[in-house]
């Protein structure tokens, strides 16, 4: 039998500090073993030297509506940039349009949720993410950045 990972590291990329605070609180209530990190500015992802593996996240939660580079662009950069990553990406969007969800999945998202209208729904999203990615038998691949010898 495969064991459930002891901890799960979640990185939330969202420009809205209130959304970050709410999701952090939801994960704390849903699963205390989650390590929650956030990034309010996605522009470092577009730097030439960016390597998504240096963030040491098991799952990324990505806001679709970011001010400078959209969530679509960010998703594309993480999946297809100079250092592509297979880290699971869960997209949060205020849009409930099927076309937006399809575009996210086509870009490499692993799940798409409509942003919560209440704390209880946010907690359900946190529980769904934690429950799925900590299910025995689910393989979370920990990618690590390779450092070239100098």
N, C-alpha and C. Protein backbone atom coordinates (compact mmCIF):
# COMPACT_ATOMS: atom_id res chain seq x y z
N UNK A 1 0.85 -1.19 0.00
CA UNK A 1 0.00 0.00 0.00
C UNK A 1 0.88 1.24 0.00
N UNK A 2 0.56 2.19 -0.84
CA UNK A 2 1.31 3.44 -0.92
C UNK A 2 0.87 4.36 0.20
N UNK A 3 1.82 5.00 0.85
CA UNK A 3 1.49 5.90 1.95
C UNK A 3 1.18 7.29 1.45
N UNK A 4 0.32 7.97 2.20
CA UNK A 4 -0.01 9.36 1.91
C UNK A 4 1.21 10.22 2.25
N UNK A 5 1.54 11.20 1.42
CA UNK A 5 2.67 12.07 1.76
C UNK A 5 2.45 12.75 3.11
N UNK A 6 3.53 12.91 3.89
CA UNK A 6 3.42 13.54 5.20
C UNK A 6 2.95 14.99 5.09
N UNK A 7 3.49 15.71 4.14
CA UNK A 7 3.10 17.10 3.95
C UNK A 7 2.87 17.34 2.46
N UNK A 8 2.17 18.39 2.19
CA UNK A 8 1.94 18.81 0.82
C UNK A 8 2.25 20.30 0.77
N UNK A 9 3.09 20.69 -0.16
CA UNK A 9 3.48 22.09 -0.28
C UNK A 9 2.67 22.74 -1.41
N UNK A 10 1.93 23.79 -1.06
CA UNK A 10 1.07 24.49 -2.01
C UNK A 10 1.61 25.90 -2.22
N UNK A 11 1.75 26.30 -3.47
CA UNK A 11 2.13 27.67 -3.81
C UNK A 11 0.95 28.31 -4.52
N UNK A 12 0.45 29.42 -3.97
CA UNK A 12 -0.65 30.15 -4.60
C UNK A 12 -0.10 31.39 -5.27
N UNK A 13 -0.38 31.52 -6.57
CA UNK A 13 0.04 32.70 -7.34
C UNK A 13 -1.22 33.51 -7.61
N UNK A 14 -1.34 34.64 -6.91
CA UNK A 14 -2.56 35.45 -6.99
C UNK A 14 -2.20 36.86 -6.56
N UNK A 15 -2.67 37.86 -7.29
CA UNK A 15 -2.36 39.25 -6.97
C UNK A 15 -3.27 39.82 -5.88
N UNK A 16 -4.31 39.09 -5.49
CA UNK A 16 -5.26 39.58 -4.50
C UNK A 16 -4.90 39.02 -3.13
N UNK A 17 -4.39 39.89 -2.27
CA UNK A 17 -3.96 39.47 -0.93
C UNK A 17 -5.11 38.88 -0.11
N UNK A 18 -6.32 39.37 -0.32
CA UNK A 18 -7.47 38.84 0.41
C UNK A 18 -7.76 37.40 -0.01
N UNK A 19 -7.65 37.12 -1.32
CA UNK A 19 -7.84 35.75 -1.80
C UNK A 19 -6.77 34.82 -1.23
N UNK A 20 -5.54 35.32 -1.17
CA UNK A 20 -4.44 34.52 -0.60
C UNK A 20 -4.72 34.23 0.87
N UNK A 21 -5.10 35.26 1.62
CA UNK A 21 -5.40 35.10 3.04
C UNK A 21 -6.51 34.08 3.25
N UNK A 22 -7.58 34.21 2.46
CA UNK A 22 -8.73 33.31 2.60
C UNK A 22 -8.34 31.87 2.29
N UNK A 23 -7.56 31.66 1.22
CA UNK A 23 -7.16 30.31 0.85
C UNK A 23 -6.21 29.73 1.90
N UNK A 24 -5.30 30.55 2.41
CA UNK A 24 -4.38 30.09 3.47
C UNK A 24 -5.20 29.60 4.68
N UNK A 25 -6.17 30.41 5.07
CA UNK A 25 -7.03 30.05 6.21
C UNK A 25 -7.82 28.77 5.93
N UNK A 26 -8.31 28.64 4.71
CA UNK A 26 -9.06 27.45 4.33
C UNK A 26 -8.19 26.20 4.42
N UNK A 27 -6.95 26.29 3.94
CA UNK A 27 -6.05 25.13 4.04
C UNK A 27 -5.71 24.83 5.50
N UNK A 28 -5.54 25.86 6.32
CA UNK A 28 -5.25 25.63 7.74
C UNK A 28 -6.39 24.86 8.40
N UNK A 29 -7.61 25.20 8.06
CA UNK A 29 -8.76 24.50 8.64
C UNK A 29 -8.97 23.13 8.02
N UNK A 30 -8.67 23.00 6.74
CA UNK A 30 -8.91 21.74 6.03
C UNK A 30 -7.84 20.70 6.32
N UNK A 31 -6.60 21.13 6.42
CA UNK A 31 -5.49 20.17 6.55
C UNK A 31 -4.27 20.89 7.11
N UNK A 32 -4.01 20.73 8.38
CA UNK A 32 -2.91 21.44 9.05
C UNK A 32 -1.53 21.00 8.55
N UNK A 33 -1.43 19.88 7.85
CA UNK A 33 -0.12 19.42 7.40
C UNK A 33 0.32 20.08 6.08
N UNK A 34 -0.50 20.96 5.54
CA UNK A 34 -0.18 21.66 4.29
C UNK A 34 0.81 22.78 4.58
N UNK A 35 1.83 22.88 3.76
CA UNK A 35 2.73 24.02 3.78
C UNK A 35 2.22 24.97 2.69
N UNK A 36 1.83 26.17 3.08
CA UNK A 36 1.21 27.12 2.14
C UNK A 36 2.14 28.30 1.93
N UNK A 37 2.47 28.56 0.66
CA UNK A 37 3.28 29.73 0.29
C UNK A 37 2.50 30.52 -0.74
N UNK A 38 2.85 31.79 -0.87
CA UNK A 38 2.15 32.60 -1.87
C UNK A 38 3.11 33.49 -2.63
N UNK A 39 2.64 33.90 -3.79
CA UNK A 39 3.37 34.80 -4.67
C UNK A 39 2.34 35.75 -5.24
N UNK A 40 2.41 37.03 -4.85
CA UNK A 40 1.41 38.00 -5.29
C UNK A 40 1.77 38.64 -6.64
N UNK A 41 2.98 38.45 -7.07
CA UNK A 41 3.47 39.05 -8.32
C UNK A 41 4.03 37.94 -9.19
N UNK A 42 3.44 37.73 -10.37
CA UNK A 42 3.91 36.65 -11.23
C UNK A 42 5.00 37.07 -12.21
N UNK A 43 5.42 38.33 -12.18
CA UNK A 43 6.43 38.78 -13.16
C UNK A 43 7.76 38.04 -13.04
N UNK A 44 8.22 37.60 -11.83
CA UNK A 44 9.49 36.85 -11.80
C UNK A 44 9.46 35.57 -12.63
N UNK A 45 8.27 35.03 -12.87
CA UNK A 45 8.14 33.81 -13.66
C UNK A 45 8.59 34.04 -15.10
N UNK A 46 8.56 35.30 -15.53
CA UNK A 46 8.91 35.62 -16.92
C UNK A 46 10.37 36.04 -17.09
N UNK A 47 11.14 36.01 -16.01
CA UNK A 47 12.57 36.30 -16.10
C UNK A 47 13.25 35.13 -16.81
N UNK A 48 14.27 35.42 -17.56
CA UNK A 48 14.98 34.39 -18.33
C UNK A 48 15.49 33.25 -17.45
N UNK A 49 15.97 33.59 -16.25
CA UNK A 49 16.56 32.58 -15.37
C UNK A 49 15.53 31.84 -14.51
N UNK A 50 14.25 32.13 -14.68
CA UNK A 50 13.22 31.50 -13.86
C UNK A 50 13.23 29.98 -14.03
N UNK A 51 13.15 29.30 -12.91
CA UNK A 51 13.03 27.85 -12.91
C UNK A 51 11.94 27.50 -11.89
N UNK A 52 10.77 27.05 -12.34
CA UNK A 52 9.66 26.80 -11.42
C UNK A 52 9.99 25.76 -10.35
N UNK A 53 10.98 24.94 -10.60
CA UNK A 53 11.32 23.89 -9.63
C UNK A 53 11.97 24.47 -8.38
N UNK A 54 12.46 25.71 -8.43
CA UNK A 54 13.09 26.30 -7.25
C UNK A 54 12.06 26.71 -6.20
N UNK A 55 10.79 26.73 -6.56
CA UNK A 55 9.76 27.11 -5.60
C UNK A 55 9.35 25.95 -4.70
N UNK A 56 9.80 24.75 -5.01
CA UNK A 56 9.58 23.58 -4.17
C UNK A 56 8.11 23.42 -3.79
N UNK A 57 7.24 23.43 -4.78
CA UNK A 57 5.80 23.26 -4.54
C UNK A 57 5.35 21.93 -5.12
N UNK A 58 4.48 21.24 -4.38
CA UNK A 58 3.88 20.01 -4.89
C UNK A 58 2.68 20.33 -5.79
N UNK A 59 2.01 21.44 -5.48
CA UNK A 59 0.83 21.88 -6.22
C UNK A 59 0.86 23.40 -6.31
N UNK A 60 0.53 23.94 -7.47
CA UNK A 60 0.42 25.39 -7.65
C UNK A 60 -1.04 25.74 -7.86
N UNK A 61 -1.50 26.76 -7.14
CA UNK A 61 -2.83 27.32 -7.35
C UNK A 61 -2.62 28.64 -8.08
N UNK A 62 -3.19 28.77 -9.25
CA UNK A 62 -2.92 29.92 -10.12
C UNK A 62 -4.19 30.71 -10.39
N UNK A 63 -4.15 32.00 -10.07
CA UNK A 63 -5.26 32.90 -10.40
C UNK A 63 -5.21 33.18 -11.90
N UNK A 64 -6.34 33.13 -12.54
CA UNK A 64 -6.40 33.35 -13.98
C UNK A 64 -6.29 34.83 -14.34
N UNK A 65 -6.82 35.70 -13.50
CA UNK A 65 -6.87 37.13 -13.81
C UNK A 65 -5.77 37.88 -13.07
N UNK A 66 -4.59 37.90 -13.63
CA UNK A 66 -3.46 38.60 -13.05
C UNK A 66 -3.25 39.88 -13.86
N UNK A 67 -2.72 40.95 -13.24
CA UNK A 67 -2.67 42.25 -13.91
C UNK A 67 -1.64 42.41 -15.04
N UNK A 68 -0.46 41.88 -14.92
CA UNK A 68 0.56 42.13 -15.95
C UNK A 68 0.62 40.97 -16.93
N UNK A 69 0.89 39.78 -16.43
CA UNK A 69 0.85 38.58 -17.25
C UNK A 69 -0.34 37.76 -16.78
N UNK A 70 -1.22 37.39 -17.70
CA UNK A 70 -2.42 36.66 -17.33
C UNK A 70 -2.09 35.27 -16.79
N UNK A 71 -3.07 34.65 -16.18
CA UNK A 71 -2.91 33.28 -15.74
C UNK A 71 -2.62 32.34 -16.89
N UNK A 72 -3.22 32.60 -18.05
CA UNK A 72 -2.95 31.78 -19.24
C UNK A 72 -1.47 31.86 -19.61
N UNK A 73 -0.94 33.09 -19.63
CA UNK A 73 0.47 33.28 -19.96
C UNK A 73 1.38 32.62 -18.92
N UNK A 74 0.99 32.74 -17.66
CA UNK A 74 1.78 32.15 -16.58
C UNK A 74 1.76 30.63 -16.69
N UNK A 75 0.60 30.07 -16.94
CA UNK A 75 0.48 28.63 -17.13
C UNK A 75 1.36 28.15 -18.28
N UNK A 76 1.29 28.86 -19.38
CA UNK A 76 2.10 28.52 -20.56
C UNK A 76 3.59 28.59 -20.23
N UNK A 77 3.99 29.62 -19.48
CA UNK A 77 5.40 29.80 -19.12
C UNK A 77 5.90 28.66 -18.22
N UNK A 78 5.07 28.27 -17.24
CA UNK A 78 5.47 27.18 -16.35
C UNK A 78 5.57 25.86 -17.12
N UNK A 79 4.63 25.62 -18.01
CA UNK A 79 4.62 24.36 -18.76
C UNK A 79 5.63 24.31 -19.89
N UNK A 80 5.85 25.45 -20.57
CA UNK A 80 6.64 25.42 -21.81
C UNK A 80 7.81 26.37 -21.84
N UNK A 81 8.11 27.03 -20.73
CA UNK A 81 9.22 27.99 -20.70
C UNK A 81 10.57 27.31 -20.80
N UNK A 82 11.64 28.06 -20.56
CA UNK A 82 12.99 27.51 -20.68
C UNK A 82 13.25 26.34 -19.73
N UNK A 83 12.53 26.31 -18.61
CA UNK A 83 12.65 25.22 -17.63
C UNK A 83 11.25 24.68 -17.35
N UNK A 84 10.69 23.90 -18.29
CA UNK A 84 9.30 23.45 -18.13
C UNK A 84 9.13 22.59 -16.89
N UNK A 85 7.95 22.67 -16.30
CA UNK A 85 7.66 21.91 -15.09
C UNK A 85 6.35 21.16 -15.24
N UNK A 86 6.29 19.98 -14.65
CA UNK A 86 5.07 19.18 -14.63
C UNK A 86 4.31 19.32 -13.31
N UNK A 87 4.70 20.29 -12.48
CA UNK A 87 4.01 20.50 -11.20
C UNK A 87 2.52 20.61 -11.45
N UNK A 88 1.68 19.93 -10.65
CA UNK A 88 0.24 20.07 -10.83
C UNK A 88 -0.20 21.53 -10.64
N UNK A 89 -1.01 22.02 -11.56
CA UNK A 89 -1.49 23.40 -11.50
C UNK A 89 -3.01 23.39 -11.45
N UNK A 90 -3.54 24.02 -10.40
CA UNK A 90 -4.97 24.19 -10.20
C UNK A 90 -5.28 25.65 -10.46
N UNK A 91 -6.13 25.92 -11.43
CA UNK A 91 -6.48 27.29 -11.80
C UNK A 91 -7.74 27.71 -11.06
N UNK A 92 -7.69 28.95 -10.53
CA UNK A 92 -8.87 29.58 -9.93
C UNK A 92 -9.29 30.73 -10.83
N UNK A 93 -10.57 30.82 -11.11
CA UNK A 93 -11.05 31.88 -12.00
C UNK A 93 -12.40 32.39 -11.53
N UNK A 94 -12.63 33.67 -11.72
CA UNK A 94 -13.96 34.22 -11.45
C UNK A 94 -14.92 33.82 -12.56
N UNK A 95 -14.38 33.38 -13.69
CA UNK A 95 -15.20 32.97 -14.82
C UNK A 95 -15.69 31.53 -14.65
N UNK A 96 -16.95 31.32 -14.96
CA UNK A 96 -17.51 29.97 -14.96
C UNK A 96 -17.70 29.47 -16.38
N UNK A 97 -17.13 30.19 -17.36
CA UNK A 97 -17.30 29.83 -18.76
C UNK A 97 -16.55 28.55 -19.12
N UNK A 98 -17.22 27.65 -19.79
CA UNK A 98 -16.62 26.40 -20.23
C UNK A 98 -15.43 26.67 -21.15
N UNK A 99 -15.52 27.70 -21.98
CA UNK A 99 -14.42 28.02 -22.91
C UNK A 99 -13.15 28.39 -22.15
N UNK A 100 -13.28 29.09 -21.02
CA UNK A 100 -12.11 29.43 -20.22
C UNK A 100 -11.50 28.17 -19.59
N UNK A 101 -12.35 27.29 -19.09
CA UNK A 101 -11.85 26.04 -18.52
C UNK A 101 -11.14 25.20 -19.58
N UNK A 102 -11.72 25.11 -20.77
CA UNK A 102 -11.08 24.35 -21.86
C UNK A 102 -9.71 24.92 -22.20
N UNK A 103 -9.64 26.24 -22.25
CA UNK A 103 -8.36 26.90 -22.56
C UNK A 103 -7.31 26.58 -21.49
N UNK A 104 -7.74 26.55 -20.23
CA UNK A 104 -6.81 26.21 -19.14
C UNK A 104 -6.32 24.76 -19.27
N UNK A 105 -7.26 23.85 -19.50
CA UNK A 105 -6.86 22.44 -19.65
C UNK A 105 -5.95 22.26 -20.87
N UNK A 106 -6.25 22.95 -21.96
CA UNK A 106 -5.41 22.86 -23.16
C UNK A 106 -4.00 23.39 -22.88
N UNK A 107 -3.90 24.35 -21.97
CA UNK A 107 -2.60 24.92 -21.62
C UNK A 107 -1.82 24.12 -20.59
N UNK A 108 -2.44 23.07 -20.05
CA UNK A 108 -1.72 22.21 -19.12
C UNK A 108 -2.20 22.24 -17.69
N UNK A 109 -3.34 22.88 -17.42
CA UNK A 109 -3.88 22.87 -16.05
C UNK A 109 -4.36 21.47 -15.70
N UNK A 110 -4.26 21.12 -14.43
CA UNK A 110 -4.73 19.82 -13.95
C UNK A 110 -6.15 19.89 -13.41
N UNK A 111 -6.59 21.08 -13.01
CA UNK A 111 -7.95 21.28 -12.51
C UNK A 111 -8.28 22.76 -12.63
N UNK A 112 -9.56 23.05 -12.74
CA UNK A 112 -10.04 24.44 -12.82
C UNK A 112 -11.23 24.58 -11.88
N UNK A 113 -11.14 25.56 -10.99
CA UNK A 113 -12.23 25.86 -10.07
C UNK A 113 -12.68 27.30 -10.29
N UNK A 114 -14.00 27.52 -10.16
CA UNK A 114 -14.50 28.88 -10.11
C UNK A 114 -14.21 29.40 -8.71
N UNK A 115 -13.71 30.65 -8.63
CA UNK A 115 -13.39 31.22 -7.33
C UNK A 115 -14.61 31.20 -6.43
N UNK A 116 -14.34 30.95 -5.18
CA UNK A 116 -15.41 30.79 -4.20
C UNK A 116 -16.10 32.10 -3.88
N UNK A 117 -17.39 31.99 -3.62
CA UNK A 117 -18.17 33.15 -3.21
C UNK A 117 -18.34 33.19 -1.69
N UNK A 118 -17.84 32.15 -1.02
CA UNK A 118 -17.94 32.10 0.44
C UNK A 118 -16.73 31.37 1.00
N UNK A 119 -16.49 31.55 2.29
CA UNK A 119 -15.37 30.86 2.92
C UNK A 119 -15.61 29.35 2.92
N UNK A 120 -16.84 28.92 3.12
CA UNK A 120 -17.13 27.49 3.13
C UNK A 120 -16.78 26.84 1.79
N UNK A 121 -17.09 27.52 0.69
CA UNK A 121 -16.75 26.98 -0.63
C UNK A 121 -15.24 26.99 -0.83
N UNK A 122 -14.56 28.03 -0.35
CA UNK A 122 -13.09 28.07 -0.44
C UNK A 122 -12.51 26.89 0.32
N UNK A 123 -13.07 26.59 1.49
CA UNK A 123 -12.60 25.46 2.28
C UNK A 123 -12.85 24.14 1.53
N UNK A 124 -13.96 24.04 0.82
CA UNK A 124 -14.22 22.84 0.02
C UNK A 124 -13.18 22.68 -1.08
N UNK A 125 -12.79 23.80 -1.70
CA UNK A 125 -11.74 23.75 -2.72
C UNK A 125 -10.43 23.27 -2.09
N UNK A 126 -10.07 23.82 -0.94
CA UNK A 126 -8.85 23.41 -0.24
C UNK A 126 -8.90 21.93 0.11
N UNK A 127 -10.04 21.46 0.59
CA UNK A 127 -10.19 20.05 0.93
C UNK A 127 -10.07 19.16 -0.31
N UNK A 128 -10.63 19.62 -1.43
CA UNK A 128 -10.56 18.85 -2.67
C UNK A 128 -9.12 18.73 -3.14
N UNK A 129 -8.39 19.84 -3.11
CA UNK A 129 -6.98 19.83 -3.54
C UNK A 129 -6.17 18.93 -2.62
N UNK A 130 -6.31 19.13 -1.32
CA UNK A 130 -5.57 18.33 -0.35
C UNK A 130 -5.96 16.86 -0.44
N UNK A 131 -7.26 16.60 -0.49
CA UNK A 131 -7.74 15.22 -0.54
C UNK A 131 -7.24 14.47 -1.76
N UNK A 132 -7.28 15.13 -2.92
CA UNK A 132 -6.84 14.46 -4.14
C UNK A 132 -5.34 14.24 -4.13
N UNK A 133 -4.56 15.29 -3.88
CA UNK A 133 -3.10 15.18 -4.02
C UNK A 133 -2.45 14.44 -2.86
N UNK A 134 -3.23 14.14 -1.81
CA UNK A 134 -2.69 13.34 -0.71
C UNK A 134 -3.31 11.95 -0.67
N UNK A 135 -4.05 11.57 -1.70
CA UNK A 135 -4.66 10.25 -1.77
C UNK A 135 -3.58 9.19 -1.92
N UNK A 136 -3.65 8.12 -1.13
CA UNK A 136 -2.67 7.04 -1.32
C UNK A 136 -2.68 6.55 -2.76
N UNK A 137 -1.52 6.40 -3.32
CA UNK A 137 -1.39 5.94 -4.70
C UNK A 137 -1.19 7.06 -5.70
N UNK A 138 -1.58 8.29 -5.35
CA UNK A 138 -1.34 9.43 -6.25
C UNK A 138 0.15 9.74 -6.18
N UNK A 139 0.76 9.89 -7.31
CA UNK A 139 2.20 10.15 -7.36
C UNK A 139 2.45 11.63 -7.59
N UNK A 140 2.95 12.30 -6.57
CA UNK A 140 3.37 13.69 -6.71
C UNK A 140 4.86 13.64 -6.99
N UNK A 141 5.27 14.08 -8.16
CA UNK A 141 6.67 14.05 -8.55
C UNK A 141 7.32 15.33 -8.05
N UNK A 142 8.30 15.20 -7.22
CA UNK A 142 9.03 16.35 -6.69
C UNK A 142 10.15 16.66 -7.67
N UNK A 143 9.98 17.75 -8.41
CA UNK A 143 11.01 18.17 -9.35
C UNK A 143 12.00 19.06 -8.61
N UNK A 144 13.26 18.84 -8.88
CA UNK A 144 14.27 19.68 -8.27
C UNK A 144 15.10 20.32 -9.36
N UNK A 145 15.51 21.54 -9.11
CA UNK A 145 16.33 22.25 -10.08
C UNK A 145 17.71 21.62 -10.09
N UNK A 146 18.24 21.47 -11.27
CA UNK A 146 19.61 20.96 -11.38
C UNK A 146 20.55 22.14 -11.44
N UNK A 147 21.62 22.03 -10.72
CA UNK A 147 22.61 23.10 -10.70
C UNK A 147 23.81 22.62 -11.49
N UNK A 148 24.18 23.41 -12.49
CA UNK A 148 25.34 23.06 -13.30
C UNK A 148 26.61 23.33 -12.52
N UNK A 149 27.60 22.43 -12.62
CA UNK A 149 28.87 22.70 -11.94
C UNK A 149 29.53 23.93 -12.53
N UNK A 150 30.14 24.74 -11.66
CA UNK A 150 30.77 25.97 -12.17
C UNK A 150 32.15 25.72 -12.70
